[in-house]
Amino acid sequence: MSSKRLVWHDKEVLDVMALLVDCQNINEVRKIFDRVLTPREINDIGRRYQALIMIDEGKSYADIRLKTGMSPTTLNRLATKCGFGFQKSSGLPKPKRSKTPAKGRTIRYKGVRVIG
C-alpha cells in the first residue's frame, strides 16, 4: 500500500510565502489568492481557519462540524496538528484588519507581475 502524501515544493512554497509577506494590504492578498487558488481552495482555507478559532474557544467537535461542514477526519487532523488550540499552542497570529488599499501598486515577483 503506497502513501499518497503531497510532495512539498519547498522553494515554491517559500516563494509564495515571501510574496504574501510583501503585500501591503488585504486587497493585494485577495488578488493573489484569486489568481493562484480556486474558489473552493480559498473557501477551504477560511473554513479551516474558522475551525481553529472554534477549537481555541473550546467549542465541541459537533458544533464545529455543523458550522463548517468539515469532515471529522479533517477536523481531527487540524486539531492534532495545532495542539487542540489555535492561539494557545499553534503559534499562529490572529488576523489584523487591513489598512486602506494602495492604489496603482504593482507587485512583481521574479519578473512576473502578480498584482497591478
N, C-alpha and C. Protein backbone atom coordinates (compact mmCIF):
# COMPACT_ATOMS: atom_id res chain seq x y z
N MET A 1 0.84 -1.18 0.00
CA MET A 1 0.00 0.00 0.00
C MET A 1 0.89 1.25 0.00
N SER A 2 0.69 2.11 -0.96
CA SER A 2 1.53 3.29 -1.05
C SER A 2 0.87 4.49 -0.38
N SER A 3 1.69 5.33 0.18
CA SER A 3 1.21 6.54 0.83
C SER A 3 1.00 7.63 -0.22
N LYS A 4 -0.10 8.35 -0.12
CA LYS A 4 -0.39 9.42 -1.08
C LYS A 4 -0.16 10.78 -0.43
N ARG A 5 1.01 10.98 0.10
CA ARG A 5 1.35 12.27 0.73
C ARG A 5 1.74 13.26 -0.35
N LEU A 6 1.39 14.48 -0.12
CA LEU A 6 1.78 15.55 -1.02
C LEU A 6 3.27 15.78 -0.95
N VAL A 7 3.85 16.05 -2.08
CA VAL A 7 5.26 16.40 -2.12
C VAL A 7 5.34 17.91 -1.96
N TRP A 8 6.03 18.34 -0.94
CA TRP A 8 6.19 19.78 -0.72
C TRP A 8 7.21 20.32 -1.71
N HIS A 9 6.84 21.34 -2.40
CA HIS A 9 7.76 22.04 -3.28
C HIS A 9 8.29 23.22 -2.47
N ASP A 10 9.26 22.92 -1.61
CA ASP A 10 9.72 23.89 -0.61
C ASP A 10 10.08 25.25 -1.19
N LYS A 11 10.83 25.28 -2.26
CA LYS A 11 11.26 26.54 -2.83
C LYS A 11 10.05 27.35 -3.29
N GLU A 12 9.14 26.70 -3.98
CA GLU A 12 7.96 27.39 -4.49
C GLU A 12 7.05 27.87 -3.36
N VAL A 13 6.87 27.03 -2.33
CA VAL A 13 6.05 27.41 -1.19
C VAL A 13 6.66 28.61 -0.47
N LEU A 14 7.97 28.59 -0.30
CA LEU A 14 8.65 29.72 0.33
C LEU A 14 8.53 30.97 -0.53
N ASP A 15 8.57 30.82 -1.84
CA ASP A 15 8.39 31.96 -2.74
C ASP A 15 7.00 32.58 -2.57
N VAL A 16 5.97 31.73 -2.48
CA VAL A 16 4.61 32.23 -2.30
C VAL A 16 4.48 32.92 -0.94
N MET A 17 5.07 32.33 0.09
CA MET A 17 5.03 32.95 1.42
C MET A 17 5.70 34.32 1.40
N ALA A 18 6.83 34.42 0.73
CA ALA A 18 7.53 35.70 0.63
C ALA A 18 6.67 36.72 -0.12
N LEU A 19 5.99 36.26 -1.15
CA LEU A 19 5.11 37.14 -1.92
C LEU A 19 3.98 37.67 -1.04
N LEU A 20 3.38 36.80 -0.24
CA LEU A 20 2.29 37.22 0.65
C LEU A 20 2.78 38.19 1.73
N VAL A 21 3.96 37.93 2.26
CA VAL A 21 4.54 38.83 3.27
C VAL A 21 4.81 40.21 2.67
N ASP A 22 5.09 40.26 1.40
CA ASP A 22 5.39 41.52 0.72
C ASP A 22 4.14 42.37 0.49
N CYS A 23 2.97 41.78 0.61
CA CYS A 23 1.73 42.52 0.38
C CYS A 23 1.53 43.58 1.46
N GLN A 24 0.98 44.72 1.04
CA GLN A 24 0.78 45.82 1.96
C GLN A 24 -0.65 45.95 2.46
N ASN A 25 -1.59 45.21 1.86
CA ASN A 25 -2.97 45.28 2.33
C ASN A 25 -3.72 44.03 1.88
N ILE A 26 -4.92 43.90 2.40
CA ILE A 26 -5.74 42.71 2.16
C ILE A 26 -6.13 42.56 0.69
N ASN A 27 -6.30 43.67 -0.01
CA ASN A 27 -6.68 43.58 -1.43
C ASN A 27 -5.58 42.96 -2.27
N GLU A 28 -4.33 43.21 -1.93
CA GLU A 28 -3.22 42.58 -2.66
C GLU A 28 -3.21 41.08 -2.42
N VAL A 29 -3.44 40.66 -1.17
CA VAL A 29 -3.51 39.23 -0.87
C VAL A 29 -4.69 38.61 -1.59
N ARG A 30 -5.82 39.31 -1.60
CA ARG A 30 -7.02 38.81 -2.28
C ARG A 30 -6.76 38.57 -3.75
N LYS A 31 -6.05 39.49 -4.41
CA LYS A 31 -5.74 39.32 -5.83
C LYS A 31 -4.85 38.11 -6.06
N ILE A 32 -3.88 37.91 -5.18
CA ILE A 32 -3.00 36.75 -5.31
C ILE A 32 -3.81 35.46 -5.14
N PHE A 33 -4.64 35.41 -4.08
CA PHE A 33 -5.48 34.23 -3.86
C PHE A 33 -6.34 33.97 -5.09
N ASP A 34 -6.95 35.03 -5.63
CA ASP A 34 -7.84 34.89 -6.77
C ASP A 34 -7.13 34.33 -7.99
N ARG A 35 -5.87 34.67 -8.15
CA ARG A 35 -5.12 34.23 -9.32
C ARG A 35 -4.46 32.86 -9.14
N VAL A 36 -4.20 32.49 -7.91
CA VAL A 36 -3.44 31.26 -7.65
C VAL A 36 -4.33 30.11 -7.19
N LEU A 37 -5.38 30.41 -6.44
CA LEU A 37 -6.22 29.37 -5.84
C LEU A 37 -7.58 29.31 -6.52
N THR A 38 -8.22 28.15 -6.44
CA THR A 38 -9.60 28.01 -6.91
C THR A 38 -10.53 28.57 -5.83
N PRO A 39 -11.77 28.90 -6.19
CA PRO A 39 -12.71 29.36 -5.16
C PRO A 39 -12.88 28.33 -4.03
N ARG A 40 -12.87 27.07 -4.37
CA ARG A 40 -13.01 26.03 -3.34
C ARG A 40 -11.81 26.04 -2.38
N GLU A 41 -10.60 26.19 -2.92
CA GLU A 41 -9.41 26.23 -2.07
C GLU A 41 -9.43 27.44 -1.14
N ILE A 42 -9.90 28.56 -1.66
CA ILE A 42 -10.00 29.77 -0.82
C ILE A 42 -11.00 29.53 0.30
N ASN A 43 -12.16 28.97 -0.02
CA ASN A 43 -13.16 28.68 1.00
C ASN A 43 -12.67 27.66 2.01
N ASP A 44 -11.92 26.66 1.56
CA ASP A 44 -11.37 25.66 2.48
C ASP A 44 -10.42 26.30 3.48
N ILE A 45 -9.60 27.24 3.03
CA ILE A 45 -8.70 27.95 3.94
C ILE A 45 -9.52 28.67 5.00
N GLY A 46 -10.58 29.34 4.58
CA GLY A 46 -11.45 30.06 5.51
C GLY A 46 -12.12 29.14 6.51
N ARG A 47 -12.62 28.00 6.03
CA ARG A 47 -13.27 27.04 6.93
C ARG A 47 -12.28 26.47 7.94
N ARG A 48 -11.08 26.17 7.50
CA ARG A 48 -10.07 25.63 8.41
C ARG A 48 -9.69 26.66 9.47
N TYR A 49 -9.56 27.90 9.04
CA TYR A 49 -9.24 28.96 10.00
C TYR A 49 -10.38 29.12 11.01
N GLN A 50 -11.62 29.09 10.52
CA GLN A 50 -12.78 29.18 11.40
C GLN A 50 -12.79 28.02 12.40
N ALA A 51 -12.47 26.83 11.95
CA ALA A 51 -12.42 25.66 12.83
C ALA A 51 -11.35 25.83 13.91
N LEU A 52 -10.18 26.35 13.54
CA LEU A 52 -9.12 26.57 14.53
C LEU A 52 -9.56 27.57 15.60
N ILE A 53 -10.23 28.63 15.19
CA ILE A 53 -10.73 29.62 16.15
C ILE A 53 -11.73 28.95 17.10
N MET A 54 -12.63 28.15 16.55
CA MET A 54 -13.65 27.50 17.37
C MET A 54 -13.04 26.48 18.33
N ILE A 55 -12.01 25.78 17.89
CA ILE A 55 -11.30 24.85 18.77
C ILE A 55 -10.71 25.62 19.93
N ASP A 56 -10.10 26.75 19.63
CA ASP A 56 -9.48 27.59 20.65
C ASP A 56 -10.52 28.11 21.65
N GLU A 57 -11.72 28.35 21.17
CA GLU A 57 -12.79 28.83 22.05
C GLU A 57 -13.43 27.72 22.87
N GLY A 58 -12.98 26.47 22.63
CA GLY A 58 -13.49 25.35 23.40
C GLY A 58 -14.80 24.77 22.87
N LYS A 59 -15.16 25.10 21.64
CA LYS A 59 -16.39 24.56 21.04
C LYS A 59 -16.24 23.05 20.84
N SER A 60 -17.37 22.36 20.87
CA SER A 60 -17.35 20.91 20.67
C SER A 60 -17.12 20.61 19.19
N TYR A 61 -16.59 19.41 18.93
CA TYR A 61 -16.39 18.99 17.54
C TYR A 61 -17.71 18.98 16.79
N ALA A 62 -18.79 18.58 17.46
CA ALA A 62 -20.10 18.54 16.81
C ALA A 62 -20.53 19.94 16.37
N ASP A 63 -20.33 20.93 17.23
CA ASP A 63 -20.67 22.32 16.86
C ASP A 63 -19.82 22.80 15.70
N ILE A 64 -18.54 22.48 15.73
CA ILE A 64 -17.62 22.90 14.66
C ILE A 64 -18.02 22.26 13.34
N ARG A 65 -18.34 20.98 13.39
CA ARG A 65 -18.75 20.27 12.17
C ARG A 65 -20.03 20.86 11.60
N LEU A 66 -21.00 21.20 12.46
CA LEU A 66 -22.25 21.79 11.98
C LEU A 66 -22.01 23.15 11.34
N LYS A 67 -21.15 23.97 11.95
CA LYS A 67 -20.91 25.33 11.45
C LYS A 67 -20.05 25.33 10.18
N THR A 68 -19.04 24.44 10.12
CA THR A 68 -18.09 24.49 9.00
C THR A 68 -18.37 23.46 7.92
N GLY A 69 -19.10 22.40 8.24
CA GLY A 69 -19.32 21.33 7.28
C GLY A 69 -18.08 20.47 7.08
N MET A 70 -17.12 20.63 7.96
CA MET A 70 -15.85 19.92 7.84
C MET A 70 -16.00 18.46 8.26
N SER A 71 -15.30 17.57 7.59
CA SER A 71 -15.38 16.15 7.93
C SER A 71 -14.66 15.92 9.26
N PRO A 72 -15.09 14.88 9.99
CA PRO A 72 -14.44 14.58 11.26
C PRO A 72 -12.94 14.31 11.10
N THR A 73 -12.57 13.68 10.00
CA THR A 73 -11.15 13.37 9.76
C THR A 73 -10.34 14.65 9.60
N THR A 74 -10.83 15.58 8.80
CA THR A 74 -10.12 16.85 8.60
C THR A 74 -10.06 17.64 9.89
N LEU A 75 -11.16 17.68 10.60
CA LEU A 75 -11.21 18.41 11.87
C LEU A 75 -10.23 17.83 12.88
N ASN A 76 -10.20 16.53 12.97
CA ASN A 76 -9.27 15.88 13.90
C ASN A 76 -7.82 16.15 13.52
N ARG A 77 -7.53 16.10 12.22
CA ARG A 77 -6.16 16.37 11.76
C ARG A 77 -5.76 17.80 12.09
N LEU A 78 -6.65 18.74 11.86
CA LEU A 78 -6.37 20.14 12.18
C LEU A 78 -6.10 20.31 13.67
N ALA A 79 -6.98 19.75 14.48
CA ALA A 79 -6.84 19.89 15.92
C ALA A 79 -5.54 19.24 16.42
N THR A 80 -5.21 18.10 15.87
CA THR A 80 -3.99 17.41 16.29
C THR A 80 -2.75 18.19 15.88
N LYS A 81 -2.71 18.69 14.66
CA LYS A 81 -1.54 19.43 14.19
C LYS A 81 -1.33 20.72 14.96
N CYS A 82 -2.41 21.33 15.42
CA CYS A 82 -2.30 22.61 16.12
C CYS A 82 -2.38 22.45 17.63
N GLY A 83 -2.29 21.24 18.11
CA GLY A 83 -2.25 21.02 19.55
C GLY A 83 -3.56 21.33 20.24
N PHE A 84 -4.68 21.11 19.56
CA PHE A 84 -6.01 21.33 20.13
C PHE A 84 -6.22 22.76 20.60
N GLY A 85 -5.66 23.70 19.91
CA GLY A 85 -5.89 25.10 20.24
C GLY A 85 -5.16 25.99 19.27
N PHE A 86 -5.74 27.09 18.94
CA PHE A 86 -5.17 27.96 17.92
C PHE A 86 -4.16 28.92 18.53
N GLN A 87 -4.61 29.90 19.27
CA GLN A 87 -3.71 30.87 19.85
C GLN A 87 -2.83 30.25 20.94
N LYS A 88 -3.39 29.34 21.69
CA LYS A 88 -2.67 28.80 22.83
C LYS A 88 -1.44 28.00 22.44
N SER A 89 -1.54 27.21 21.37
CA SER A 89 -0.42 26.32 21.09
C SER A 89 0.02 26.26 19.64
N SER A 90 -0.73 26.85 18.74
CA SER A 90 -0.35 26.73 17.33
C SER A 90 0.72 27.73 16.94
N GLY A 91 0.81 28.83 17.67
CA GLY A 91 1.78 29.85 17.34
C GLY A 91 1.34 30.75 16.20
N LEU A 92 0.09 30.61 15.73
CA LEU A 92 -0.41 31.43 14.63
C LEU A 92 -1.02 32.71 15.18
N PRO A 93 -0.75 33.84 14.52
CA PRO A 93 -1.30 35.11 14.99
C PRO A 93 -2.74 35.29 14.58
N LYS A 94 -3.48 36.07 15.37
CA LYS A 94 -4.84 36.44 14.96
C LYS A 94 -4.72 37.46 13.85
N PRO A 95 -5.71 37.53 12.96
CA PRO A 95 -5.60 38.44 11.82
C PRO A 95 -5.68 39.90 12.24
N LYS A 96 -4.96 40.73 11.47
CA LYS A 96 -5.04 42.18 11.66
C LYS A 96 -5.95 42.71 10.57
N ARG A 97 -6.66 43.73 10.86
CA ARG A 97 -7.53 44.35 9.85
C ARG A 97 -6.66 45.14 8.89
N SER A 98 -7.05 45.11 7.63
CA SER A 98 -6.25 45.74 6.59
C SER A 98 -6.31 47.26 6.67
N LYS A 99 -5.29 47.87 6.13
CA LYS A 99 -5.24 49.32 6.00
C LYS A 99 -5.92 49.69 4.69
N THR A 100 -6.05 50.94 4.44
CA THR A 100 -6.63 51.40 3.18
C THR A 100 -5.78 50.88 2.03
N PRO A 101 -6.40 50.32 1.00
CA PRO A 101 -5.63 49.76 -0.11
C PRO A 101 -4.81 50.82 -0.84
N ALA A 102 -3.63 50.40 -1.25
CA ALA A 102 -2.77 51.28 -2.04
C ALA A 102 -3.24 51.23 -3.48
N LYS A 103 -3.48 52.40 -4.06
CA LYS A 103 -3.98 52.44 -5.43
C LYS A 103 -2.81 52.42 -6.41
N GLY A 104 -2.98 51.69 -7.49
CA GLY A 104 -1.98 51.67 -8.54
C GLY A 104 -0.70 50.94 -8.20
N ARG A 105 -0.69 50.17 -7.14
CA ARG A 105 0.52 49.47 -6.73
C ARG A 105 0.70 48.22 -7.58
N THR A 106 1.93 47.97 -7.99
CA THR A 106 2.25 46.78 -8.76
C THR A 106 3.28 45.97 -7.98
N ILE A 107 3.00 44.68 -7.85
CA ILE A 107 3.98 43.79 -7.22
C ILE A 107 4.51 42.87 -8.30
N ARG A 108 5.80 42.88 -8.45
CA ARG A 108 6.46 41.96 -9.38
C ARG A 108 7.28 41.01 -8.54
N TYR A 109 7.19 39.75 -8.90
CA TYR A 109 7.97 38.75 -8.20
C TYR A 109 8.74 37.94 -9.23
N LYS A 110 10.04 38.05 -9.15
CA LYS A 110 10.93 37.34 -10.08
C LYS A 110 10.54 37.63 -11.53
N GLY A 111 10.26 38.91 -11.78
CA GLY A 111 9.98 39.35 -13.14
C GLY A 111 8.55 39.16 -13.60
N VAL A 112 7.69 38.56 -12.77
CA VAL A 112 6.31 38.31 -13.16
C VAL A 112 5.42 39.28 -12.41
N ARG A 113 4.54 39.97 -13.13
CA ARG A 113 3.61 40.88 -12.48
C ARG A 113 2.50 40.06 -11.84
N VAL A 114 2.39 40.16 -10.52
CA VAL A 114 1.38 39.40 -9.80
C VAL A 114 0.18 40.27 -9.49
N ILE A 115 0.43 41.52 -9.16
CA ILE A 115 -0.64 42.47 -8.85
C ILE A 115 -0.35 43.76 -9.58
N GLY A 116 -1.42 44.40 -10.05
CA GLY A 116 -1.27 45.72 -10.61
C GLY A 116 -1.61 45.77 -12.07
